[in-house]
Protein backbone atom coordinates (compact mmCIF):
# COMPACT_ATOMS: atom_id res chain seq x y z
CA MET A 1 33.92 -75.30 27.31
CA GLN A 2 34.56 -74.02 30.79
CA ILE A 3 31.85 -74.95 33.31
CA ASN A 4 31.76 -73.17 36.64
CA VAL A 5 29.29 -74.38 39.31
CA VAL A 6 28.68 -71.90 42.14
CA THR A 7 26.53 -72.70 45.17
CA LYS A 8 25.15 -70.39 47.82
CA ASP A 9 23.59 -71.99 50.92
CA VAL A 10 23.17 -75.23 48.94
CA ILE A 11 25.08 -78.46 49.38
CA ILE A 12 25.32 -80.68 46.31
CA THR A 13 26.75 -84.16 46.10
CA ALA A 14 29.42 -85.30 43.67
CA ARG A 15 26.78 -87.19 41.70
CA GLN A 16 24.61 -84.08 41.36
CA LYS A 17 27.63 -82.08 40.21
CA SER A 18 28.51 -84.71 37.59
CA ASP A 19 24.87 -84.74 36.39
CA ILE A 20 24.96 -80.95 36.09
CA GLU A 21 28.18 -81.07 34.08
CA LYS A 22 26.87 -83.88 31.88
CA LYS A 23 23.69 -81.97 31.02
CA ILE A 24 25.63 -78.78 30.32
CA ASN A 25 28.09 -80.66 28.09
CA ARG A 26 25.18 -81.56 25.80
CA LEU A 27 25.40 -77.98 24.53
CA ASN A 28 28.75 -78.84 22.93
CA LYS A 29 27.06 -80.04 19.76
CA TYR A 30 25.83 -76.50 19.12
CA LEU A 31 28.85 -74.66 20.51
CA LYS A 32 31.72 -76.78 19.17
CA HIS A 33 32.83 -74.06 16.73
CA GLU A 34 32.88 -71.38 19.41
CA SER A 35 36.33 -71.04 20.93
CA PRO A 36 35.96 -69.52 24.41
CA VAL A 37 32.67 -70.72 25.89
CA LYS A 38 32.02 -70.04 29.55
CA VAL A 39 29.05 -71.54 31.33
CA GLU A 40 28.26 -70.48 34.86
CA VAL A 41 25.67 -72.38 36.89
CA GLN A 42 24.55 -70.74 40.13
CA LEU A 43 22.55 -72.77 42.65
CA ILE A 44 21.03 -70.52 45.32
CA ASP A 45 18.81 -71.23 48.30
CA ASP A 46 16.50 -68.22 48.67
CA SER A 47 14.50 -69.52 51.61
CA GLY A 48 15.00 -67.81 54.91
CA PRO A 49 13.33 -67.02 58.23
CA ASN A 50 11.41 -64.06 56.79
CA LYS A 51 10.21 -65.90 53.67
CA SER A 52 7.46 -68.46 53.53
CA GLY A 53 8.18 -71.80 51.87
CA VAL A 54 11.32 -73.15 50.27
CA THR A 55 12.62 -71.47 47.17
CA GLN A 56 15.60 -72.71 45.20
CA THR A 57 16.98 -70.62 42.33
CA VAL A 58 19.11 -71.77 39.41
CA LYS A 59 20.84 -69.26 37.15
CA ILE A 60 22.63 -70.41 34.01
CA ASP A 61 24.77 -68.04 31.96
CA VAL A 62 26.29 -69.09 28.63
CA ALA A 63 28.78 -66.61 27.22
CA SER A 64 30.78 -66.84 24.01
CA GLU A 65 31.49 -64.67 21.00
CA HIS A 66 28.11 -65.27 19.32
CA TYR A 67 25.98 -66.57 22.20
CA ASN A 68 24.89 -64.76 25.34
CA VAL A 69 22.14 -66.63 27.11
CA HIS A 70 20.87 -66.04 30.65
CA VAL A 71 18.18 -68.20 32.25
CA GLU A 72 16.82 -68.05 35.79
CA GLU A 73 14.45 -70.67 37.20
CA LYS A 74 12.85 -70.90 40.66
CA LYS A 75 11.31 -74.04 42.15
CA ASN A 76 11.07 -75.74 45.51
CA ASN A 77 13.48 -78.50 44.34
CA ILE A 78 16.92 -77.46 43.09
CA MET A 79 17.31 -80.28 40.55
CA LYS A 80 13.85 -79.68 39.06
CA ALA A 81 14.73 -76.02 38.68
CA PHE A 82 18.03 -76.99 37.07
CA THR A 83 16.33 -79.37 34.62
CA ASN A 84 13.87 -76.68 33.53
CA ALA A 85 16.66 -74.12 33.18
CA VAL A 86 18.79 -76.49 31.07
CA ARG A 87 15.84 -77.18 28.77
CA SER A 88 15.37 -73.46 28.27
CA VAL A 89 19.08 -72.85 27.62
CA ASP A 90 19.21 -75.79 25.20
CA ARG A 91 16.20 -74.47 23.29
CA GLN A 92 17.63 -70.95 23.04
CA VAL A 93 21.08 -72.09 21.93
CA ARG A 94 19.58 -74.57 19.44
CA ASP A 95 17.35 -71.86 17.92
CA LYS A 96 20.28 -69.45 17.59
CA HIS A 97 22.36 -72.21 16.01
CA LYS A 98 19.60 -72.97 13.48
CA ARG A 99 19.33 -69.28 12.59
CA GLU A 100 23.09 -69.09 12.00
CA ILE A 101 22.93 -72.15 9.74
CA GLN A 102 20.02 -70.65 7.78
CA LYS A 103 22.00 -67.44 7.26
CA THR A 104 24.95 -69.34 5.86
CA ARG A 105 22.80 -71.55 3.63
CA THR A 106 20.71 -68.80 2.10
CA GLY A 107 23.35 -66.10 2.29
CA THR A 108 23.29 -63.05 0.11
CA ASN A 109 23.86 -63.87 -3.51
CA ARG A 110 25.67 -61.35 -5.69
CA PHE A 111 23.02 -61.68 -8.39
CA ASP A 112 20.25 -60.86 -5.91
CA LYS A 113 21.91 -57.52 -5.22
CA VAL A 114 22.23 -56.70 -8.92
CA PHE A 115 18.69 -57.73 -9.81
CA GLY A 116 17.38 -55.93 -6.77
CA ILE A 117 18.86 -52.70 -8.13
CA PHE A 118 17.47 -53.32 -11.61
CA GLY A 119 14.11 -54.22 -10.14
CA LYS A 120 13.67 -50.57 -9.15
CA PHE A 121 13.88 -49.49 -12.79
CA ARG A 122 11.63 -52.21 -14.20
CA ARG A 123 8.61 -51.03 -16.18
CA LEU A 124 5.22 -51.70 -14.68
CA LYS A 125 2.51 -53.21 -16.94
């Protein structure tokens, strides 16, 4: 998994960066069978002289062969926004992973296809 942290007008400490990477690495349990996984975390400070208040934006993009997830969260605290965004990404990736497992478990059985065809010609009582 390749994690890329990009900041714009935000200064993060080494501890914050390690926390970000640690929380993103939790996705490995769902993405371990995906070969090229790229995760981009953007931390942006949107506050300016023309805007009222402090707005911090976090954008997380997860891209792989089967997963494309994009989450954007805005808060006044960058780490709170990041925590909410990671929860959302985790939930989306977990749900997609569960759906993939369900597809493989139920699958399409050869007999279902045959009986489905014969079901069309079955006599009604």
